[in-house]
Every structure is written in C-alpha cells, then in structure tokens.
Amino acid sequence: MPNRAGDRVTGRVERGVFVVEAVGDIDSDDGDSFAPLWDEAGALGLAVTVVDLSHVDFGDSGLLNALLGGRARHQREGRSFVVAGPLSGPVVRLFSITGTQEYFDFADSLDDALK
C-alpha cells in the first residue's frame, strides 16, 4: 500500500542511528506511514531510533498511536527510542493532554539525540 504521507514521513541512517523524520501535519490518516519505518529500523538492527518531530506543526491520535507502537516495538527488541524536538505547541499539548510524555525519552534537538 502506498505511503499516503509521501515524503512527510521518511527514514534514514545518520551517525549510526536510524532517524525517522516527520514534517507538517501528521494526523490519523498518516499513522500507518510509520509502520514500514519501524520494520526498517528493526531490520537494520541499530541500537537507537530517533523520531525527529521538530518539523511537525500538528499531530493527533494517529501520530501518538504510531509513536506508542514504535516505542513498544523498540522496547521488545531491546532498542532505544527517542523523540527529538524542539516540539511545536500542538505536539507538546498532544503529549501533555494525553499524559503520555512520561512514556518517551525526549531530546531537545536531533543533534542532541545523535550525541
């Protein structure tokens, strides 16, 4: 099935870390766009995946569900999962309102996460 989010959700290896970058508004229709990237991260077997949300303007339950699923998978596989910012106000509110910020390791920036 094609990735409806197109190039708004992409993955790459950078400094030995798998980086998932999301851009723009990520809503419930885009949540499935992350699953192939979790598969790719698992296949590569890298110790850390960083999800860069610094370019996400808005995220809803689809984004949150994808992140929770990715985190759970990484935990089962014994790999680290980090969310990098800086986060936009709406994304901060998504984590805050749902009480899920405690489930994630956050980095202030992608560069900080890759150190």
N, C-alpha and C. Protein backbone atom coordinates (compact mmCIF):
# COMPACT_ATOMS: atom_id res chain seq x y z
N MET A 1 0.85 -1.18 0.00
CA MET A 1 0.00 0.00 0.00
C MET A 1 0.89 1.24 0.00
N PRO A 2 0.62 2.23 -0.84
CA PRO A 2 1.44 3.43 -0.89
C PRO A 2 1.38 4.20 0.43
N ASN A 3 2.44 4.91 0.71
CA ASN A 3 2.52 5.74 1.89
C ASN A 3 1.81 7.06 1.59
N ARG A 4 0.61 7.26 2.15
CA ARG A 4 -0.17 8.47 1.87
C ARG A 4 0.57 9.73 2.30
N ALA A 5 1.37 9.62 3.34
CA ALA A 5 2.10 10.79 3.81
C ALA A 5 3.26 11.14 2.88
N GLY A 6 3.54 10.26 1.93
CA GLY A 6 4.60 10.54 0.97
C GLY A 6 5.91 10.83 1.65
N ASP A 7 6.53 11.91 1.25
CA ASP A 7 7.82 12.23 1.83
C ASP A 7 7.70 13.01 3.14
N ARG A 8 6.51 13.08 3.72
CA ARG A 8 6.34 13.75 5.02
C ARG A 8 6.82 12.88 6.18
N VAL A 9 6.93 11.56 5.97
CA VAL A 9 7.45 10.66 6.98
C VAL A 9 8.51 9.81 6.30
N THR A 10 9.77 10.05 6.66
CA THR A 10 10.88 9.37 5.99
C THR A 10 11.86 8.81 7.03
N GLY A 11 12.69 7.90 6.58
CA GLY A 11 13.71 7.33 7.46
C GLY A 11 15.06 7.30 6.78
N ARG A 12 16.11 7.38 7.59
CA ARG A 12 17.48 7.34 7.08
C ARG A 12 18.40 6.95 8.23
N VAL A 13 19.59 6.52 7.89
CA VAL A 13 20.62 6.26 8.89
C VAL A 13 21.55 7.48 8.93
N GLU A 14 21.75 7.96 10.14
CA GLU A 14 22.63 9.12 10.34
C GLU A 14 23.46 8.88 11.60
N ARG A 15 24.77 8.92 11.46
CA ARG A 15 25.70 8.72 12.58
C ARG A 15 25.42 7.41 13.33
N GLY A 16 25.07 6.37 12.61
CA GLY A 16 24.82 5.07 13.22
C GLY A 16 23.50 4.93 13.94
N VAL A 17 22.60 5.88 13.71
CA VAL A 17 21.28 5.90 14.35
C VAL A 17 20.23 5.93 13.24
N PHE A 18 19.13 5.20 13.43
CA PHE A 18 18.03 5.29 12.47
C PHE A 18 17.19 6.50 12.84
N VAL A 19 17.04 7.44 11.91
CA VAL A 19 16.30 8.68 12.14
C VAL A 19 15.02 8.65 11.32
N VAL A 20 13.90 8.83 11.99
CA VAL A 20 12.60 8.99 11.33
C VAL A 20 12.26 10.46 11.44
N GLU A 21 11.99 11.07 10.29
CA GLU A 21 11.66 12.49 10.27
C GLU A 21 10.23 12.66 9.76
N ALA A 22 9.44 13.40 10.53
CA ALA A 22 8.07 13.72 10.12
C ALA A 22 7.99 15.23 9.91
N VAL A 23 7.21 15.62 8.90
CA VAL A 23 7.11 17.03 8.52
C VAL A 23 5.65 17.39 8.29
N GLY A 24 5.24 18.56 8.78
CA GLY A 24 3.90 19.07 8.51
C GLY A 24 2.88 18.60 9.53
N ASP A 25 1.66 18.42 9.07
CA ASP A 25 0.57 17.94 9.91
C ASP A 25 0.49 16.43 9.79
N ILE A 26 0.61 15.74 10.93
CA ILE A 26 0.54 14.29 10.95
C ILE A 26 -0.72 13.91 11.72
N ASP A 27 -1.70 13.38 10.98
CA ASP A 27 -2.97 13.06 11.61
C ASP A 27 -3.26 11.56 11.53
N SER A 28 -4.48 11.20 11.89
CA SER A 28 -4.84 9.78 11.97
C SER A 28 -4.70 9.06 10.64
N ASP A 29 -4.81 9.76 9.53
CA ASP A 29 -4.63 9.13 8.22
C ASP A 29 -3.16 8.80 7.94
N ASP A 30 -2.25 9.43 8.66
CA ASP A 30 -0.82 9.25 8.43
C ASP A 30 -0.17 8.24 9.37
N GLY A 31 -0.88 7.81 10.39
CA GLY A 31 -0.29 6.94 11.40
C GLY A 31 0.35 5.68 10.84
N ASP A 32 -0.27 5.09 9.83
CA ASP A 32 0.27 3.85 9.25
C ASP A 32 1.56 4.08 8.48
N SER A 33 1.89 5.32 8.20
CA SER A 33 3.11 5.63 7.46
C SER A 33 4.36 5.29 8.25
N PHE A 34 4.24 5.16 9.56
CA PHE A 34 5.39 4.87 10.40
C PHE A 34 5.73 3.39 10.44
N ALA A 35 4.75 2.51 10.28
CA ALA A 35 4.98 1.07 10.43
C ALA A 35 6.11 0.53 9.56
N PRO A 36 6.18 0.88 8.27
CA PRO A 36 7.30 0.38 7.47
C PRO A 36 8.65 0.87 7.97
N LEU A 37 8.67 2.03 8.58
CA LEU A 37 9.92 2.57 9.12
C LEU A 37 10.34 1.81 10.38
N TRP A 38 9.37 1.40 11.20
CA TRP A 38 9.71 0.57 12.36
C TRP A 38 10.28 -0.76 11.86
N ASP A 39 9.69 -1.30 10.78
CA ASP A 39 10.21 -2.54 10.18
C ASP A 39 11.65 -2.33 9.71
N GLU A 40 11.90 -1.23 9.03
CA GLU A 40 13.23 -0.96 8.51
C GLU A 40 14.24 -0.80 9.66
N ALA A 41 13.84 -0.08 10.70
CA ALA A 41 14.72 0.10 11.85
C ALA A 41 15.05 -1.25 12.48
N GLY A 42 14.06 -2.11 12.59
CA GLY A 42 14.29 -3.44 13.15
C GLY A 42 15.21 -4.27 12.29
N ALA A 43 15.02 -4.21 10.99
CA ALA A 43 15.85 -4.99 10.07
C ALA A 43 17.31 -4.53 10.11
N LEU A 44 17.51 -3.24 10.29
CA LEU A 44 18.87 -2.71 10.36
C LEU A 44 19.56 -3.09 11.66
N GLY A 45 18.77 -3.30 12.71
CA GLY A 45 19.30 -3.71 13.99
C GLY A 45 20.13 -2.66 14.71
N LEU A 46 19.91 -1.39 14.38
CA LEU A 46 20.64 -0.32 15.06
C LEU A 46 20.09 -0.16 16.48
N ALA A 47 20.96 0.23 17.40
CA ALA A 47 20.59 0.29 18.81
C ALA A 47 19.59 1.39 19.14
N VAL A 48 19.55 2.44 18.31
CA VAL A 48 18.74 3.62 18.64
C VAL A 48 17.95 4.08 17.41
N THR A 49 16.69 4.43 17.65
CA THR A 49 15.89 5.14 16.66
C THR A 49 15.50 6.48 17.27
N VAL A 50 15.70 7.54 16.49
CA VAL A 50 15.29 8.88 16.90
C VAL A 50 14.18 9.33 15.97
N VAL A 51 13.08 9.78 16.54
CA VAL A 51 11.98 10.33 15.75
C VAL A 51 12.04 11.84 15.87
N ASP A 52 12.39 12.48 14.78
CA ASP A 52 12.53 13.93 14.74
C ASP A 52 11.18 14.56 14.42
N LEU A 53 10.60 15.20 15.43
CA LEU A 53 9.31 15.88 15.27
C LEU A 53 9.46 17.39 15.20
N SER A 54 10.67 17.87 15.00
CA SER A 54 10.91 19.32 15.02
C SER A 54 10.22 20.06 13.88
N HIS A 55 9.81 19.33 12.84
CA HIS A 55 9.14 19.97 11.71
C HIS A 55 7.66 19.59 11.63
N VAL A 56 7.12 19.06 12.71
CA VAL A 56 5.70 18.71 12.76
C VAL A 56 4.95 19.89 13.36
N ASP A 57 3.99 20.39 12.60
CA ASP A 57 3.18 21.52 13.06
C ASP A 57 2.00 21.09 13.91
N PHE A 58 1.47 19.91 13.61
CA PHE A 58 0.29 19.40 14.29
C PHE A 58 0.35 17.88 14.29
N GLY A 59 -0.07 17.28 15.38
CA GLY A 59 -0.19 15.83 15.45
C GLY A 59 -1.41 15.46 16.27
N ASP A 60 -2.10 14.40 15.85
CA ASP A 60 -3.26 13.95 16.61
C ASP A 60 -3.04 12.52 17.08
N SER A 61 -4.12 11.84 17.39
CA SER A 61 -4.03 10.49 17.93
C SER A 61 -3.32 9.52 16.98
N GLY A 62 -3.36 9.78 15.69
CA GLY A 62 -2.65 8.92 14.74
C GLY A 62 -1.14 8.99 14.96
N LEU A 63 -0.63 10.18 15.18
CA LEU A 63 0.78 10.34 15.47
C LEU A 63 1.12 9.68 16.80
N LEU A 64 0.33 9.96 17.81
CA LEU A 64 0.59 9.40 19.13
C LEU A 64 0.55 7.87 19.11
N ASN A 65 -0.44 7.31 18.43
CA ASN A 65 -0.54 5.85 18.34
C ASN A 65 0.68 5.25 17.64
N ALA A 66 1.12 5.91 16.56
CA ALA A 66 2.31 5.42 15.85
C ALA A 66 3.54 5.47 16.75
N LEU A 67 3.68 6.53 17.51
CA LEU A 67 4.84 6.65 18.41
C LEU A 67 4.78 5.62 19.54
N LEU A 68 3.60 5.43 20.11
CA LEU A 68 3.47 4.43 21.17
C LEU A 68 3.77 3.03 20.65
N GLY A 69 3.28 2.74 19.44
CA GLY A 69 3.55 1.44 18.83
C GLY A 69 5.03 1.26 18.53
N GLY A 70 5.66 2.30 18.01
CA GLY A 70 7.09 2.23 17.73
C GLY A 70 7.90 2.06 19.00
N ARG A 71 7.55 2.78 20.03
CA ARG A 71 8.24 2.66 21.32
C ARG A 71 8.11 1.25 21.87
N ALA A 72 6.90 0.71 21.85
CA ALA A 72 6.67 -0.64 22.37
C ALA A 72 7.50 -1.66 21.59
N ARG A 73 7.51 -1.54 20.29
CA ARG A 73 8.29 -2.48 19.48
C ARG A 73 9.78 -2.37 19.80
N HIS A 74 10.27 -1.16 19.91
CA HIS A 74 11.69 -0.97 20.23
C HIS A 74 12.02 -1.57 21.60
N GLN A 75 11.14 -1.37 22.55
CA GLN A 75 11.37 -1.94 23.88
C GLN A 75 11.43 -3.47 23.82
N ARG A 76 10.50 -4.08 23.09
CA ARG A 76 10.50 -5.54 22.95
C ARG A 76 11.80 -6.04 22.32
N GLU A 77 12.35 -5.25 21.41
CA GLU A 77 13.56 -5.64 20.70
C GLU A 77 14.83 -5.18 21.41
N GLY A 78 14.68 -4.52 22.57
CA GLY A 78 15.83 -4.08 23.34
C GLY A 78 16.58 -2.91 22.73
N ARG A 79 15.86 -2.07 21.99
CA ARG A 79 16.47 -0.91 21.35
C ARG A 79 15.88 0.37 21.92
N SER A 80 16.66 1.45 21.86
CA SER A 80 16.22 2.74 22.40
C SER A 80 15.38 3.50 21.38
N PHE A 81 14.47 4.31 21.90
CA PHE A 81 13.53 5.09 21.09
C PHE A 81 13.49 6.49 21.68
N VAL A 82 13.89 7.48 20.90
CA VAL A 82 13.98 8.86 21.38
C VAL A 82 13.16 9.77 20.47
N VAL A 83 12.44 10.70 21.08
CA VAL A 83 11.70 11.72 20.33
C VAL A 83 12.48 13.02 20.42
N ALA A 84 12.79 13.60 19.27
CA ALA A 84 13.58 14.83 19.23
C ALA A 84 12.71 16.02 18.83
N GLY A 85 12.99 17.15 19.42
CA GLY A 85 12.31 18.39 19.12
C GLY A 85 13.28 19.36 18.49
N PRO A 86 13.03 20.65 18.65
CA PRO A 86 12.00 21.21 19.52
C PRO A 86 10.60 20.93 18.98
N LEU A 87 9.69 20.72 19.91
CA LEU A 87 8.32 20.37 19.56
C LEU A 87 7.45 21.62 19.45
N SER A 88 6.56 21.62 18.48
CA SER A 88 5.59 22.72 18.34
C SER A 88 4.59 22.67 19.49
N GLY A 89 3.93 23.79 19.71
CA GLY A 89 2.92 23.86 20.77
C GLY A 89 1.86 22.77 20.67
N PRO A 90 1.28 22.54 19.48
CA PRO A 90 0.27 21.49 19.37
C PRO A 90 0.81 20.08 19.69
N VAL A 91 2.06 19.81 19.37
CA VAL A 91 2.63 18.50 19.66
C VAL A 91 2.90 18.37 21.17
N VAL A 92 3.38 19.44 21.78
CA VAL A 92 3.57 19.44 23.24
C VAL A 92 2.23 19.17 23.92
N ARG A 93 1.17 19.83 23.46
CA ARG A 93 -0.16 19.64 24.04
C ARG A 93 -0.65 18.20 23.85
N LEU A 94 -0.35 17.60 22.71
CA LEU A 94 -0.75 16.21 22.47
C LEU A 94 -0.19 15.30 23.56
N PHE A 95 1.09 15.45 23.85
CA PHE A 95 1.71 14.62 24.89
C PHE A 95 1.17 14.99 26.27
N SER A 96 0.98 16.28 26.50
CA SER A 96 0.53 16.76 27.81
C SER A 96 -0.90 16.33 28.11
N ILE A 97 -1.80 16.59 27.19
CA ILE A 97 -3.23 16.28 27.40
C ILE A 97 -3.45 14.79 27.58
N THR A 98 -2.69 13.98 26.87
CA THR A 98 -2.88 12.53 26.93
C THR A 98 -2.07 11.89 28.07
N GLY A 99 -1.22 12.68 28.72
CA GLY A 99 -0.42 12.15 29.82
C GLY A 99 0.61 11.13 29.37
N THR A 100 1.05 11.23 28.14
CA THR A 100 1.98 10.22 27.61
C THR A 100 3.43 10.68 27.59
N GLN A 101 3.71 11.92 27.97
CA GLN A 101 5.09 12.38 27.90
C GLN A 101 6.03 11.52 28.74
N GLU A 102 5.53 10.93 29.81
CA GLU A 102 6.38 10.10 30.68
C GLU A 102 6.79 8.78 30.01
N TYR A 103 6.14 8.41 28.92
CA TYR A 103 6.46 7.17 28.23
C TYR A 103 7.63 7.30 27.26
N PHE A 104 8.06 8.52 27.01
CA PHE A 104 9.07 8.75 25.99
C PHE A 104 10.32 9.39 26.56
N ASP A 105 11.44 9.10 25.92
CA ASP A 105 12.68 9.81 26.16
C ASP A 105 12.73 10.93 25.12
N PHE A 106 12.94 12.16 25.58
CA PHE A 106 12.95 13.31 24.70
C PHE A 106 14.35 13.92 24.62
N ALA A 107 14.69 14.44 23.46
CA ALA A 107 15.90 15.22 23.26
C ALA A 107 15.47 16.58 22.74
N ASP A 108 16.21 17.61 23.12
CA ASP A 108 15.85 18.97 22.71
C ASP A 108 15.97 19.19 21.21
N SER A 109 16.86 18.41 20.57
CA SER A 109 17.06 18.56 19.13
C SER A 109 17.58 17.24 18.55
N LEU A 110 17.55 17.13 17.25
CA LEU A 110 18.10 15.94 16.60
C LEU A 110 19.58 15.84 16.89
N ASP A 111 20.28 16.96 16.83
CA ASP A 111 21.71 16.93 17.10
C ASP A 111 22.00 16.40 18.52
N ASP A 112 21.23 16.86 19.50
CA ASP A 112 21.39 16.36 20.87
C ASP A 112 21.12 14.85 20.95
N ALA A 113 20.12 14.40 20.23
CA ALA A 113 19.76 12.97 20.25
C ALA A 113 20.84 12.11 19.62
N LEU A 114 21.57 12.67 18.66
CA LEU A 114 22.59 11.89 17.95
C LEU A 114 23.94 11.89 18.67
N LYS A 115 24.05 12.61 19.76
CA LYS A 115 25.33 12.67 20.50
C LYS A 115 25.54 11.40 21.30
